[in-house]
N, C-alpha and C. Protein backbone atom coordinates (compact mmCIF):
# COMPACT_ATOMS: atom_id res chain seq x y z
N MET A 1 100.08 161.97 -85.83
CA MET A 1 99.61 162.04 -84.47
C MET A 1 98.83 160.78 -84.14
N GLY A 2 99.42 159.86 -83.50
CA GLY A 2 98.70 158.67 -83.12
C GLY A 2 99.64 157.57 -82.74
N LYS A 3 99.09 156.43 -82.73
CA LYS A 3 99.86 155.25 -82.33
C LYS A 3 100.87 154.89 -83.40
N GLU A 4 102.06 154.64 -82.96
CA GLU A 4 103.09 154.23 -83.91
C GLU A 4 103.39 152.75 -83.82
N ASN A 5 103.23 152.16 -82.62
CA ASN A 5 103.57 150.75 -82.48
C ASN A 5 102.34 149.85 -82.47
N ASN A 6 101.16 150.44 -82.57
CA ASN A 6 99.90 149.69 -82.66
C ASN A 6 99.74 148.62 -81.59
N ASP A 7 100.14 148.93 -80.34
CA ASP A 7 100.00 147.96 -79.27
C ASP A 7 98.67 148.10 -78.53
N GLY A 8 97.82 149.03 -78.96
CA GLY A 8 96.52 149.20 -78.34
C GLY A 8 96.55 150.03 -77.07
N LYS A 9 97.70 150.57 -76.72
CA LYS A 9 97.85 151.38 -75.51
C LYS A 9 98.55 152.68 -75.88
N ILE A 10 98.19 153.73 -75.16
CA ILE A 10 98.86 155.01 -75.36
C ILE A 10 99.83 155.20 -74.21
N SER A 11 101.10 155.29 -74.54
CA SER A 11 102.12 155.50 -73.51
C SER A 11 102.19 156.99 -73.16
N ILE A 12 102.86 157.28 -72.09
CA ILE A 12 103.05 158.68 -71.69
C ILE A 12 103.80 159.43 -72.79
N ASP A 13 104.81 158.80 -73.36
CA ASP A 13 105.58 159.45 -74.43
C ASP A 13 104.70 159.74 -75.65
N GLU A 14 103.83 158.79 -76.01
CA GLU A 14 102.93 159.00 -77.15
C GLU A 14 101.93 160.12 -76.85
N TRP A 15 101.42 160.18 -75.62
CA TRP A 15 100.49 161.22 -75.21
C TRP A 15 101.17 162.59 -75.30
N LEU A 16 102.37 162.68 -74.77
CA LEU A 16 103.11 163.94 -74.80
C LEU A 16 103.45 164.35 -76.23
N GLN A 17 103.81 163.38 -77.07
CA GLN A 17 104.12 163.66 -78.47
C GLN A 17 102.89 164.18 -79.21
N MET A 18 101.72 163.60 -78.90
CA MET A 18 100.48 164.06 -79.53
C MET A 18 100.24 165.54 -79.21
N TRP A 19 100.43 165.94 -77.94
CA TRP A 19 100.20 167.34 -77.56
C TRP A 19 101.30 168.25 -78.11
N GLN A 20 102.51 167.76 -78.24
CA GLN A 20 103.57 168.55 -78.86
C GLN A 20 103.23 168.81 -80.32
N ASN A 21 102.77 167.78 -81.03
CA ASN A 21 102.35 167.93 -82.43
C ASN A 21 101.17 168.90 -82.53
N PHE A 22 100.23 168.79 -81.61
CA PHE A 22 99.08 169.69 -81.57
C PHE A 22 99.54 171.14 -81.45
N ASN A 23 100.46 171.39 -80.53
CA ASN A 23 100.96 172.73 -80.32
C ASN A 23 101.67 173.26 -81.56
N GLU A 24 102.51 172.44 -82.17
CA GLU A 24 103.23 172.85 -83.38
C GLU A 24 102.27 173.16 -84.52
N GLN A 25 101.24 172.34 -84.68
CA GLN A 25 100.24 172.59 -85.73
C GLN A 25 99.49 173.89 -85.49
N CYS A 26 99.14 174.17 -84.24
CA CYS A 26 98.43 175.41 -83.92
C CYS A 26 99.30 176.63 -84.24
N ILE A 27 100.56 176.56 -83.88
CA ILE A 27 101.47 177.68 -84.15
C ILE A 27 101.63 177.88 -85.65
N LYS A 28 101.83 176.79 -86.38
CA LYS A 28 102.01 176.86 -87.83
C LYS A 28 100.77 177.45 -88.50
N GLN A 29 99.59 176.97 -88.10
CA GLN A 29 98.34 177.46 -88.69
C GLN A 29 98.11 178.92 -88.35
N SER A 30 98.42 179.32 -87.13
CA SER A 30 98.23 180.71 -86.71
C SER A 30 99.12 181.64 -87.52
N LYS A 31 100.35 181.24 -87.73
CA LYS A 31 101.27 182.07 -88.53
C LYS A 31 100.78 182.17 -89.97
N LYS A 32 100.24 181.07 -90.46
CA LYS A 32 99.73 181.04 -91.83
C LYS A 32 98.50 181.95 -91.97
N ASP A 33 97.59 181.85 -91.00
CA ASP A 33 96.36 182.63 -91.04
C ASP A 33 96.58 184.08 -90.62
N ASN A 34 97.62 184.29 -89.81
CA ASN A 34 97.94 185.62 -89.30
C ASN A 34 96.75 186.25 -88.59
N GLU A 35 96.00 185.43 -87.86
CA GLU A 35 94.82 185.92 -87.16
C GLU A 35 95.12 186.20 -85.69
N GLU A 36 95.19 185.15 -84.91
CA GLU A 36 95.38 185.25 -83.48
C GLU A 36 96.83 184.96 -83.13
N PRO A 37 97.24 185.39 -81.93
CA PRO A 37 98.58 184.97 -81.49
C PRO A 37 98.63 183.45 -81.46
N PRO A 38 99.75 182.85 -81.79
CA PRO A 38 99.84 181.39 -81.87
C PRO A 38 99.38 180.66 -80.61
N GLU A 39 99.64 181.25 -79.44
CA GLU A 39 99.26 180.58 -78.21
C GLU A 39 97.75 180.62 -77.93
N ARG A 40 96.98 181.36 -78.74
CA ARG A 40 95.53 181.46 -78.56
C ARG A 40 94.77 180.73 -79.67
N LYS A 41 95.47 180.12 -80.59
CA LYS A 41 94.84 179.46 -81.73
C LYS A 41 94.49 178.02 -81.38
N LEU A 42 93.29 177.60 -81.81
CA LEU A 42 92.85 176.23 -81.64
C LEU A 42 92.38 175.68 -82.97
N PRO A 43 92.55 174.39 -83.17
CA PRO A 43 92.03 173.80 -84.41
C PRO A 43 90.50 173.74 -84.37
N GLU A 44 89.89 173.68 -85.53
CA GLU A 44 88.43 173.70 -85.64
C GLU A 44 87.78 172.59 -84.83
N TRP A 45 88.35 171.38 -84.86
CA TRP A 45 87.75 170.26 -84.12
C TRP A 45 87.68 170.54 -82.63
N LEU A 46 88.71 171.24 -82.10
CA LEU A 46 88.72 171.54 -80.67
C LEU A 46 87.74 172.66 -80.35
N GLU A 47 87.59 173.61 -81.24
CA GLU A 47 86.59 174.66 -81.02
C GLU A 47 85.19 174.07 -81.00
N GLN A 48 84.94 173.10 -81.87
CA GLN A 48 83.63 172.42 -81.87
C GLN A 48 83.43 171.64 -80.57
N TYR A 49 84.48 170.99 -80.10
CA TYR A 49 84.38 170.25 -78.85
C TYR A 49 84.12 171.20 -77.67
N ILE A 50 84.76 172.35 -77.66
CA ILE A 50 84.56 173.34 -76.59
C ILE A 50 83.11 173.82 -76.59
N GLU A 51 82.55 174.06 -77.76
CA GLU A 51 81.14 174.47 -77.83
C GLU A 51 80.23 173.35 -77.33
N TYR A 52 80.54 172.12 -77.72
CA TYR A 52 79.77 170.97 -77.23
C TYR A 52 79.84 170.91 -75.70
N LYS A 53 81.04 171.06 -75.15
CA LYS A 53 81.22 170.98 -73.70
C LYS A 53 80.49 172.12 -73.00
N PHE A 54 80.54 173.32 -73.58
CA PHE A 54 79.81 174.45 -73.00
C PHE A 54 78.32 174.13 -72.95
N ASN A 55 77.79 173.61 -74.05
CA ASN A 55 76.36 173.29 -74.09
C ASN A 55 76.00 172.19 -73.10
N LEU A 56 76.93 171.30 -72.83
CA LEU A 56 76.72 170.27 -71.81
C LEU A 56 76.57 170.92 -70.43
N TYR A 57 77.44 171.87 -70.12
CA TYR A 57 77.37 172.58 -68.84
C TYR A 57 76.14 173.48 -68.76
N ASP A 58 75.78 174.11 -69.86
CA ASP A 58 74.65 175.05 -69.88
C ASP A 58 73.34 174.28 -70.00
N ARG A 59 72.95 173.63 -68.93
CA ARG A 59 71.79 172.74 -68.93
C ARG A 59 70.49 173.46 -69.24
N THR A 60 70.37 174.74 -68.85
CA THR A 60 69.11 175.46 -69.09
C THR A 60 69.06 176.10 -70.47
N GLY A 61 70.20 176.13 -71.17
CA GLY A 61 70.22 176.69 -72.52
C GLY A 61 70.08 178.20 -72.56
N ASP A 62 70.43 178.88 -71.46
CA ASP A 62 70.29 180.33 -71.42
C ASP A 62 71.54 181.08 -71.89
N GLY A 63 72.55 180.33 -72.36
CA GLY A 63 73.74 180.98 -72.91
C GLY A 63 74.81 181.28 -71.88
N LYS A 64 74.62 180.83 -70.66
CA LYS A 64 75.65 181.01 -69.64
C LYS A 64 75.59 179.83 -68.67
N VAL A 65 76.72 179.56 -68.05
CA VAL A 65 76.83 178.48 -67.08
C VAL A 65 76.88 179.09 -65.70
N ASP A 66 76.06 178.57 -64.80
CA ASP A 66 76.12 179.04 -63.41
C ASP A 66 76.69 177.92 -62.53
N ALA A 67 76.93 178.24 -61.28
CA ALA A 67 77.57 177.29 -60.37
C ALA A 67 76.77 176.01 -60.21
N GLU A 68 75.44 176.13 -60.13
CA GLU A 68 74.61 174.95 -59.95
C GLU A 68 74.70 174.01 -61.15
N GLU A 69 74.68 174.56 -62.36
CA GLU A 69 74.80 173.74 -63.56
C GLU A 69 76.17 173.05 -63.59
N PHE A 70 77.20 173.81 -63.29
CA PHE A 70 78.56 173.27 -63.32
C PHE A 70 78.69 172.13 -62.31
N GLU A 71 78.21 172.38 -61.11
CA GLU A 71 78.27 171.37 -60.05
C GLU A 71 77.48 170.12 -60.43
N TYR A 72 76.30 170.30 -60.99
CA TYR A 72 75.46 169.16 -61.36
C TYR A 72 76.13 168.28 -62.42
N VAL A 73 76.63 168.91 -63.47
CA VAL A 73 77.26 168.15 -64.56
C VAL A 73 78.52 167.43 -64.06
N LEU A 74 79.34 168.11 -63.29
CA LEU A 74 80.58 167.49 -62.83
C LEU A 74 80.32 166.36 -61.83
N SER A 75 79.16 166.38 -61.18
CA SER A 75 78.84 165.28 -60.26
C SER A 75 78.73 163.97 -61.03
N ASP A 76 78.31 164.03 -62.30
CA ASP A 76 78.26 162.82 -63.13
C ASP A 76 79.64 162.26 -63.44
N PHE A 77 80.67 163.08 -63.24
CA PHE A 77 82.04 162.65 -63.50
C PHE A 77 82.81 162.41 -62.20
N GLY A 78 82.08 162.34 -61.09
CA GLY A 78 82.69 162.01 -59.82
C GLY A 78 83.38 163.15 -59.10
N VAL A 79 83.16 164.39 -59.57
CA VAL A 79 83.77 165.54 -58.90
C VAL A 79 82.90 165.91 -57.70
N PRO A 80 83.48 165.97 -56.51
CA PRO A 80 82.70 166.34 -55.33
C PRO A 80 82.07 167.73 -55.50
N PRO A 81 80.82 167.91 -55.04
CA PRO A 81 80.14 169.20 -55.20
C PRO A 81 80.95 170.39 -54.66
N LYS A 82 81.59 170.20 -53.52
CA LYS A 82 82.38 171.28 -52.93
C LYS A 82 83.52 171.69 -53.86
N ASP A 83 84.20 170.71 -54.47
CA ASP A 83 85.30 171.01 -55.39
C ASP A 83 84.79 171.73 -56.64
N ALA A 84 83.67 171.25 -57.18
CA ALA A 84 83.11 171.87 -58.38
C ALA A 84 82.73 173.32 -58.10
N ARG A 85 82.09 173.56 -56.97
CA ARG A 85 81.67 174.93 -56.63
C ARG A 85 82.88 175.82 -56.42
N CYS A 86 83.90 175.30 -55.74
CA CYS A 86 85.12 176.08 -55.50
C CYS A 86 85.81 176.41 -56.83
N ALA A 87 85.91 175.44 -57.72
CA ALA A 87 86.52 175.67 -59.03
C ALA A 87 85.74 176.73 -59.80
N PHE A 88 84.41 176.62 -59.77
CA PHE A 88 83.58 177.60 -60.47
C PHE A 88 83.83 179.01 -59.91
N LEU A 89 83.87 179.13 -58.60
CA LEU A 89 84.12 180.44 -57.99
C LEU A 89 85.47 180.99 -58.39
N MET A 90 86.45 180.10 -58.58
CA MET A 90 87.78 180.55 -58.98
C MET A 90 87.75 181.12 -60.40
N PHE A 91 87.22 180.33 -61.36
CA PHE A 91 87.31 180.82 -62.73
C PHE A 91 86.24 181.85 -63.07
N SER A 92 85.20 181.96 -62.23
CA SER A 92 84.20 183.02 -62.46
C SER A 92 84.55 184.26 -61.65
N CYS A 93 85.72 184.25 -61.04
CA CYS A 93 86.19 185.38 -60.23
C CYS A 93 85.14 185.74 -59.17
N ASN A 94 84.77 184.72 -58.38
CA ASN A 94 83.79 184.85 -57.31
C ASN A 94 82.44 185.35 -57.84
N ASN A 95 82.02 184.78 -58.95
CA ASN A 95 80.74 185.08 -59.61
C ASN A 95 80.65 186.50 -60.17
N THR A 96 81.79 187.14 -60.37
CA THR A 96 81.75 188.48 -60.98
C THR A 96 81.90 188.41 -62.49
N LYS A 97 82.34 187.28 -63.01
CA LYS A 97 82.54 187.08 -64.45
C LYS A 97 81.46 186.15 -64.98
N LYS A 98 80.71 186.60 -65.97
CA LYS A 98 79.68 185.76 -66.58
C LYS A 98 80.34 184.68 -67.43
N VAL A 99 79.98 183.44 -67.19
CA VAL A 99 80.59 182.32 -67.91
C VAL A 99 79.71 182.01 -69.13
N ASP A 100 79.92 182.80 -70.19
CA ASP A 100 79.23 182.57 -71.45
C ASP A 100 80.18 181.81 -72.38
N LEU A 101 79.75 181.54 -73.59
CA LEU A 101 80.58 180.74 -74.51
C LEU A 101 81.92 181.42 -74.79
N ASP A 102 81.94 182.71 -75.00
CA ASP A 102 83.20 183.41 -75.30
C ASP A 102 84.19 183.28 -74.14
N TYR A 103 83.70 183.49 -72.92
CA TYR A 103 84.60 183.38 -71.76
C TYR A 103 85.01 181.93 -71.55
N PHE A 104 84.08 181.00 -71.73
CA PHE A 104 84.40 179.59 -71.58
C PHE A 104 85.48 179.18 -72.59
N LYS A 105 85.39 179.72 -73.81
CA LYS A 105 86.41 179.43 -74.82
C LYS A 105 87.77 179.94 -74.36
N GLU A 106 87.82 181.13 -73.77
CA GLU A 106 89.08 181.68 -73.26
C GLU A 106 89.65 180.79 -72.16
N LEU A 107 88.76 180.31 -71.28
CA LEU A 107 89.21 179.41 -70.23
C LEU A 107 89.77 178.11 -70.83
N CYS A 108 89.10 177.61 -71.85
CA CYS A 108 89.56 176.37 -72.50
C CYS A 108 90.89 176.58 -73.22
N ILE A 109 91.08 177.72 -73.81
CA ILE A 109 92.37 178.01 -74.45
C ILE A 109 93.47 177.96 -73.39
N ASP A 110 93.20 178.55 -72.23
CA ASP A 110 94.18 178.47 -71.15
C ASP A 110 94.40 177.02 -70.74
N TYR A 111 93.34 176.26 -70.64
CA TYR A 111 93.44 174.86 -70.23
C TYR A 111 94.28 174.05 -71.22
N TYR A 112 94.03 174.23 -72.49
CA TYR A 112 94.72 173.43 -73.51
C TYR A 112 96.08 173.97 -73.93
N ARG A 113 96.29 175.28 -73.81
CA ARG A 113 97.49 175.86 -74.42
C ARG A 113 98.45 176.52 -73.44
N SER A 114 98.01 176.90 -72.25
CA SER A 114 98.86 177.68 -71.36
C SER A 114 99.82 176.81 -70.55
N ASP A 115 101.00 177.33 -70.31
CA ASP A 115 101.97 176.69 -69.42
C ASP A 115 101.87 177.26 -68.00
N ASP A 116 100.99 178.23 -67.81
CA ASP A 116 100.83 178.89 -66.52
C ASP A 116 99.98 178.01 -65.60
N ILE A 117 100.59 177.48 -64.54
CA ILE A 117 99.86 176.58 -63.65
C ILE A 117 98.75 177.29 -62.88
N SER A 118 98.78 178.61 -62.83
CA SER A 118 97.74 179.33 -62.11
C SER A 118 96.65 179.87 -63.05
N ALA A 119 96.70 179.51 -64.32
CA ALA A 119 95.68 179.97 -65.28
C ALA A 119 94.30 179.48 -64.84
N LEU A 120 93.33 180.37 -64.88
CA LEU A 120 91.97 180.03 -64.43
C LEU A 120 91.37 178.88 -65.22
N GLY A 121 91.76 178.71 -66.46
CA GLY A 121 91.22 177.64 -67.28
C GLY A 121 91.56 176.25 -66.75
N ASN A 122 92.57 176.16 -65.91
CA ASN A 122 92.94 174.87 -65.35
C ASN A 122 91.86 174.30 -64.44
N PHE A 123 90.88 175.10 -64.07
CA PHE A 123 89.86 174.65 -63.13
C PHE A 123 88.54 174.26 -63.80
N ILE A 124 88.50 174.26 -65.15
CA ILE A 124 87.23 173.96 -65.83
C ILE A 124 86.81 172.50 -65.69
N THR A 125 87.70 171.65 -65.20
CA THR A 125 87.34 170.25 -64.97
C THR A 125 86.88 170.01 -63.53
N GLY A 126 86.94 171.05 -62.71
CA GLY A 126 86.58 170.91 -61.31
C GLY A 126 87.69 170.39 -60.45
N LYS A 127 88.81 170.08 -61.05
CA LYS A 127 89.96 169.57 -60.29
C LYS A 127 90.67 170.72 -59.60
N LEU A 128 90.95 170.54 -58.31
CA LEU A 128 91.60 171.60 -57.54
C LEU A 128 93.04 171.25 -57.17
N ASP A 129 93.35 169.98 -57.12
CA ASP A 129 94.67 169.53 -56.70
C ASP A 129 95.38 168.90 -57.89
N PHE A 130 96.55 169.43 -58.23
CA PHE A 130 97.29 168.96 -59.39
C PHE A 130 98.59 168.27 -58.98
N ASN A 131 98.64 167.80 -57.75
CA ASN A 131 99.87 167.18 -57.24
C ASN A 131 99.88 165.67 -57.39
N ASP A 132 98.85 165.08 -57.98
CA ASP A 132 98.84 163.62 -58.10
C ASP A 132 99.26 163.15 -59.46
């Protein structure tokens, strides 16, 4: 998984190949471990990254992310406040779902592993438009 031609650039084909390899490794490991369905399995490094990202969003350290925290953090990445708030309302089911680490992990699994374009996890970056 990585650069094969060492040109210092990642091509679209190389990027897609990396994610294809990632998916194959997850399926293989899941079958070996016989724990979770293959489409819900993540490698340890990605689980650690998801926890890091959750802690980044959870600015108050209370174990859950609220709309204000989400909006504030995403503003550092250039996401307009209105988009961040709208995305949060979508994946929190209009604030009826508590966004704790377990739920955030489920959203991330959808983001990284699902082929469903309407999966709620697709909104964890605050992006609302996927047509570009």
